[in-house]
Amino acid sequence: MTQEVINTKLDQLPGKISFICENLQTGEYMGYREDRPLMAASVIKLFVMAFAFHQFETGGLRQDFSLTIYKKDCVPSCGALTYLHEGISVTALDLVTLMIIFSDNTATNVLIDLLGMEKINQYIDSLGFERTFLNRKMFDVEKSRQGIQNYITASETGRLLKMMHRGELVSKAASRQMISILKNQQLRSKIPFYLQALEEKPEIAHKTGEDRGITHDVGIVYGNVPLLLCFCGNETDTPAFERIMGELSLQLYSEVNGSGL
């Protein structure tokens, strides 16, 4: 599939669309407005996870550190913790896992309080990401009304995922563990939609994000040749974009694992 074909498909969508595709074996790359800052939705949780593992590695926080979840901690929408009994005990690693595989907003907010928003942003900056910012917790309706949002770009998110893939994010062991968590993603209606029906069932390490007019899916498809894919959209037709995500993911995967990108 050529860059021109990609551009034609994505040009049809309304709103702000970004995309990257990289063959992680050869380095061959295609991008579409990939440096455009976009409201992050739940993709920002990847960067929270990265800092959590940095703290695990450096001794700032133990993976088995246990804390109790109260109703005052809970926010609506994605996840499980909001719907479980008050007083449930979870570990720091449980919070990271729930934040990623179920996109649990309560787990995310508890982690942000535990880690410190300013420290998370300092870590993001230390990695060289200039357009990625955590400016508020999840489901903070008041700050959202004020226009305070979290931001990512497809290119910086892709670079974070490549660092994990190469064992360069925090450490080799931490990178492996983060990829393992991402492979257990339970929200599978975008990049994996057609891929999960293939006979070989490629593993997909990915994170979704969604809100009104916002839909993202970013990750690595682990076929014989690993393929990095980042689809990010704001102010768009989310069902139409998600159909394109599934279609392009299947086509690009098939090409890379056949004749090459």
Protein backbone atom coordinates (compact mmCIF):
# COMPACT_ATOMS: atom_id res chain seq x y z
CA MET A 1 0.00 0.00 0.00
CA THR A 2 1.41 3.38 -1.01
CA GLN A 3 1.50 6.64 0.88
CA GLU A 4 -0.87 8.05 -1.75
CA VAL A 5 -3.47 5.36 -1.06
CA ILE A 6 -3.20 6.00 2.70
CA ASN A 7 -3.57 9.74 2.18
CA THR A 8 -6.65 9.26 0.00
CA LYS A 9 -8.37 7.09 2.63
CA LEU A 10 -7.56 9.41 5.52
CA ASP A 11 -8.37 12.59 3.57
CA GLN A 12 -11.97 11.39 3.36
CA LEU A 13 -12.40 11.63 7.12
CA PRO A 14 -13.56 14.82 8.82
CA GLY A 15 -11.66 16.43 11.66
CA LYS A 16 -8.05 16.04 12.73
CA ILE A 17 -6.48 12.73 11.77
CA SER A 18 -2.95 11.44 12.36
CA PHE A 19 -1.38 8.12 11.43
CA ILE A 20 1.92 6.30 11.38
CA CYS A 21 2.92 2.87 10.16
CA GLU A 22 6.44 1.52 10.58
CA ASN A 23 7.93 -1.84 9.73
CA LEU A 24 9.98 -2.45 12.87
CA GLN A 25 12.26 -4.88 11.06
CA THR A 26 13.25 -2.69 8.09
CA GLY A 27 12.40 0.79 9.37
CA GLU A 28 10.18 1.54 6.36
CA TYR A 29 7.71 4.23 7.39
CA MET A 30 4.55 6.02 6.33
CA GLY A 31 3.02 8.96 8.14
CA TYR A 32 0.05 11.28 7.89
CA ARG A 33 0.11 14.56 9.88
CA GLU A 34 1.82 12.58 12.61
CA ASP A 35 3.25 15.56 14.50
CA ARG A 36 -0.13 17.24 15.01
CA PRO A 37 -0.99 17.60 18.75
CA LEU A 38 -4.32 15.94 19.54
CA MET A 39 -6.44 15.53 22.64
CA ALA A 40 -5.17 12.29 24.10
CA ALA A 41 -8.17 10.57 25.66
CA SER A 42 -6.92 7.33 27.22
CA VAL A 43 -3.72 7.03 25.16
CA ILE A 44 -2.09 9.31 27.76
CA LYS A 45 -2.27 6.28 30.08
CA LEU A 46 0.69 4.78 28.20
CA PHE A 47 2.87 7.58 29.53
CA VAL A 48 1.53 7.16 33.06
CA MET A 49 2.42 3.47 32.83
CA ALA A 50 5.93 4.34 31.65
CA PHE A 51 6.54 6.54 34.68
CA ALA A 52 5.04 3.95 37.03
CA PHE A 53 7.57 1.40 35.74
CA HIS A 54 10.34 3.96 36.11
CA GLN A 55 9.35 4.25 39.76
CA PHE A 56 9.19 0.47 40.14
CA GLU A 57 12.69 0.22 38.68
CA THR A 58 14.26 2.99 40.75
CA GLY A 59 12.63 2.03 44.05
CA GLY A 60 10.27 5.00 44.22
CA LEU A 61 7.29 2.64 44.32
CA ARG A 62 6.93 -1.11 44.78
CA GLN A 63 4.81 -3.12 42.36
CA ASP A 64 3.22 -4.86 45.36
CA PHE A 65 2.47 -1.63 47.23
CA SER A 66 -1.10 -2.10 48.43
CA LEU A 67 -3.77 0.56 48.78
CA THR A 68 -7.50 0.70 49.37
CA ILE A 69 -10.04 2.09 46.90
CA TYR A 70 -12.89 4.14 48.34
CA LYS A 71 -16.03 5.49 46.67
CA LYS A 72 -14.56 9.00 46.80
CA ASP A 73 -11.80 7.78 44.46
CA CYS A 74 -14.22 6.47 41.85
CA VAL A 75 -15.13 8.13 38.56
CA PRO A 76 -17.60 6.93 35.90
CA SER A 77 -17.16 5.17 32.63
CA CYS A 78 -14.35 2.82 31.63
CA GLY A 79 -13.01 0.21 33.96
CA ALA A 80 -13.93 -2.09 36.81
CA LEU A 81 -12.97 -0.50 40.13
CA THR A 82 -15.91 1.93 40.19
CA TYR A 83 -18.30 -1.03 40.16
CA LEU A 84 -16.62 -3.16 42.84
CA HIS A 85 -17.15 -3.03 46.58
CA GLU A 86 -15.79 -0.12 48.59
CA GLY A 87 -12.59 -0.91 50.44
CA ILE A 88 -11.16 -3.31 47.86
CA SER A 89 -7.37 -3.57 48.12
CA VAL A 90 -5.21 -3.40 45.01
CA THR A 91 -1.51 -3.18 44.31
CA ALA A 92 0.27 -0.53 42.28
CA LEU A 93 0.79 -3.10 39.52
CA ASP A 94 -2.92 -3.96 39.62
CA LEU A 95 -3.68 -0.28 39.02
CA VAL A 96 -1.35 -0.17 36.01
CA THR A 97 -2.85 -3.35 34.58
CA LEU A 98 -6.45 -2.15 35.01
CA MET A 99 -5.54 1.26 33.59
CA ILE A 100 -4.24 -0.37 30.40
CA ILE A 101 -6.28 -3.48 29.68
CA PHE A 102 -9.68 -2.06 30.73
CA SER A 103 -8.74 1.64 30.43
CA ASP A 104 -9.89 1.99 34.06
CA ASN A 105 -10.30 5.69 34.84
CA THR A 106 -10.43 5.22 38.61
CA ALA A 107 -7.20 3.21 38.55
CA THR A 108 -5.61 5.93 36.42
CA ASN A 109 -6.60 8.75 38.76
CA VAL A 110 -5.41 6.88 41.84
CA LEU A 111 -2.08 6.24 40.07
CA ILE A 112 -1.75 9.90 39.06
CA ASP A 113 -2.27 10.92 42.71
CA LEU A 114 0.22 8.27 43.84
CA LEU A 115 2.90 9.19 41.31
CA GLY A 116 2.33 12.96 41.10
CA MET A 117 1.19 14.73 37.94
CA GLU A 118 4.16 17.08 37.90
CA LYS A 119 6.61 14.21 38.23
CA ILE A 120 4.88 12.31 35.42
CA ASN A 121 5.24 15.33 33.15
CA GLN A 122 8.88 15.77 34.14
CA TYR A 123 9.50 12.17 33.14
CA ILE A 124 7.70 12.64 29.82
CA ASP A 125 9.88 15.69 29.18
CA SER A 126 13.04 13.78 30.15
CA LEU A 127 12.30 11.26 27.37
CA GLY A 128 12.36 14.08 24.83
CA PHE A 129 8.63 14.29 24.17
CA GLU A 130 7.79 17.92 23.47
CA ARG A 131 4.08 17.71 22.61
CA THR A 132 2.81 15.15 25.10
CA PHE A 133 1.24 16.55 28.26
CA LEU A 134 -0.78 15.23 31.19
CA ASN A 135 -2.77 18.29 32.27
CA ARG A 136 -5.68 16.74 34.14
CA LYS A 137 -6.99 13.49 35.59
CA MET A 138 -9.58 11.33 33.85
CA PHE A 139 -13.21 12.43 33.86
CA ASP A 140 -12.38 15.84 35.32
CA VAL A 141 -15.46 17.47 33.82
CA GLU A 142 -14.75 20.93 35.22
CA LYS A 143 -11.22 21.18 33.80
CA SER A 144 -12.43 19.74 30.52
CA ARG A 145 -15.06 22.49 30.31
CA GLN A 146 -12.28 25.01 30.87
CA GLY A 147 -10.45 23.60 27.87
CA ILE A 148 -7.76 21.88 29.94
CA GLN A 149 -6.90 18.68 28.08
CA ASN A 150 -4.19 16.03 27.84
CA TYR A 151 -2.25 15.91 24.58
CA ILE A 152 -0.33 13.41 22.47
CA THR A 153 0.97 13.11 18.94
CA ALA A 154 1.00 9.96 16.84
CA SER A 155 4.75 10.35 16.29
CA GLU A 156 5.66 10.69 19.98
CA THR A 157 3.32 7.87 21.00
CA GLY A 158 4.87 5.70 18.30
CA ARG A 159 8.34 6.50 19.59
CA LEU A 160 7.33 5.47 23.12
CA LEU A 161 6.04 2.14 21.78
CA LYS A 162 9.23 1.59 19.79
CA MET A 163 11.28 2.20 22.93
CA MET A 164 9.26 -0.53 24.66
CA HIS A 165 9.67 -2.87 21.70
CA ARG A 166 13.45 -2.37 21.68
CA GLY A 167 13.78 -2.79 25.45
CA GLU A 168 14.87 0.83 25.82
CA LEU A 169 12.04 2.20 27.99
CA VAL A 170 13.15 2.10 31.64
CA SER A 171 14.92 -1.28 31.17
CA LYS A 172 14.69 -4.44 29.09
CA ALA A 173 12.73 -6.20 31.84
CA ALA A 174 10.35 -3.26 32.36
CA SER A 175 9.82 -2.91 28.61
CA ARG A 176 8.97 -6.62 28.33
CA GLN A 177 6.50 -6.35 31.18
CA MET A 178 4.81 -3.30 29.69
CA ILE A 179 4.48 -4.99 26.29
CA SER A 180 3.03 -8.05 28.03
CA ILE A 181 0.37 -5.91 29.70
CA LEU A 182 -0.49 -4.23 26.39
CA LYS A 183 -0.92 -7.64 24.75
CA ASN A 184 -3.71 -8.36 27.26
CA GLN A 185 -5.76 -5.38 26.04
CA GLN A 186 -9.47 -6.18 26.28
CA LEU A 187 -10.77 -3.34 24.05
CA ARG A 188 -10.30 -4.90 20.62
CA SER A 189 -12.70 -3.26 18.17
CA LYS A 190 -10.19 -1.11 16.24
CA ILE A 191 -6.71 -2.32 15.15
CA PRO A 192 -7.48 -5.96 16.09
CA PHE A 193 -10.97 -6.08 14.57
CA TYR A 194 -10.07 -8.15 11.50
CA LEU A 195 -6.64 -9.31 12.63
CA GLN A 196 -8.04 -11.34 15.53
CA ALA A 197 -9.99 -13.48 13.04
CA LEU A 198 -6.85 -14.57 11.18
CA GLU A 199 -5.76 -18.15 11.56
CA GLU A 200 -2.35 -17.14 12.94
CA LYS A 201 -3.95 -14.73 15.47
CA PRO A 202 -1.05 -12.25 15.75
CA GLU A 203 -0.41 -10.82 19.20
CA ILE A 204 -1.25 -7.11 19.40
CA ALA A 205 0.20 -4.86 22.10
CA HIS A 206 -1.97 -1.76 21.98
CA LYS A 207 -3.91 0.97 23.78
CA THR A 208 -7.16 2.60 22.70
CA GLY A 209 -8.61 5.98 23.53
CA GLU A 210 -12.05 7.39 22.98
CA ASP A 211 -14.30 10.29 23.89
CA ARG A 212 -16.91 12.31 22.04
CA GLY A 213 -15.52 12.81 18.54
CA ILE A 214 -12.21 11.23 19.62
CA THR A 215 -10.94 7.79 18.71
CA HIS A 216 -7.42 6.37 18.86
CA ASP A 217 -5.70 3.03 18.71
CA VAL A 218 -1.92 2.75 18.92
CA GLY A 219 0.22 -0.35 19.15
CA ILE A 220 2.43 -3.04 17.69
CA VAL A 221 1.16 -6.04 15.74
CA TYR A 222 3.51 -8.97 16.34
CA GLY A 223 3.47 -11.04 13.18
CA ASN A 224 6.61 -12.54 11.66
CA VAL A 225 7.49 -8.89 11.01
CA PRO A 226 6.41 -6.53 13.83
CA LEU A 227 4.38 -3.58 12.63
CA LEU A 228 3.90 -0.30 14.51
CA LEU A 229 0.51 1.34 13.90
CA CYS A 230 -0.82 4.57 15.40
CA PHE A 231 -4.27 5.86 14.45
CA CYS A 232 -5.33 9.08 16.17
CA GLY A 233 -8.40 11.21 15.53
CA ASN A 234 -10.13 14.27 17.02
CA GLU A 235 -13.40 15.90 15.96
CA THR A 236 -14.01 13.05 13.55
CA ASP A 237 -16.63 10.52 12.53
CA THR A 238 -15.56 7.85 14.99
CA PRO A 239 -17.40 4.84 13.47
CA ALA A 240 -16.03 5.66 10.01
CA PHE A 241 -12.48 6.09 11.31
CA GLU A 242 -12.65 2.88 13.31
CA ARG A 243 -13.73 0.96 10.21
CA ILE A 244 -10.70 2.38 8.40
CA MET A 245 -8.46 1.42 11.34
CA GLY A 246 -9.56 -2.20 11.08
CA GLU A 247 -9.31 -2.33 7.29
CA LEU A 248 -5.91 -0.64 7.06
CA SER A 249 -4.49 -2.72 9.90
CA LEU A 250 -5.42 -5.94 8.11
CA GLN A 251 -4.13 -4.74 4.72
CA LEU A 252 -0.84 -3.39 6.06
CA TYR A 253 -0.23 -6.45 8.23
CA SER A 254 -0.89 -8.76 5.28
CA GLU A 255 1.47 -6.82 3.03
CA VAL A 256 4.28 -6.65 5.58
CA ASN A 257 4.05 -10.32 6.44
CA GLY A 258 3.84 -11.24 2.76
CA SER A 259 5.50 -9.09 0.13
CA GLY A 260 6.66 -6.37 2.55
CA LEU A 261 5.67 -2.78 3.20
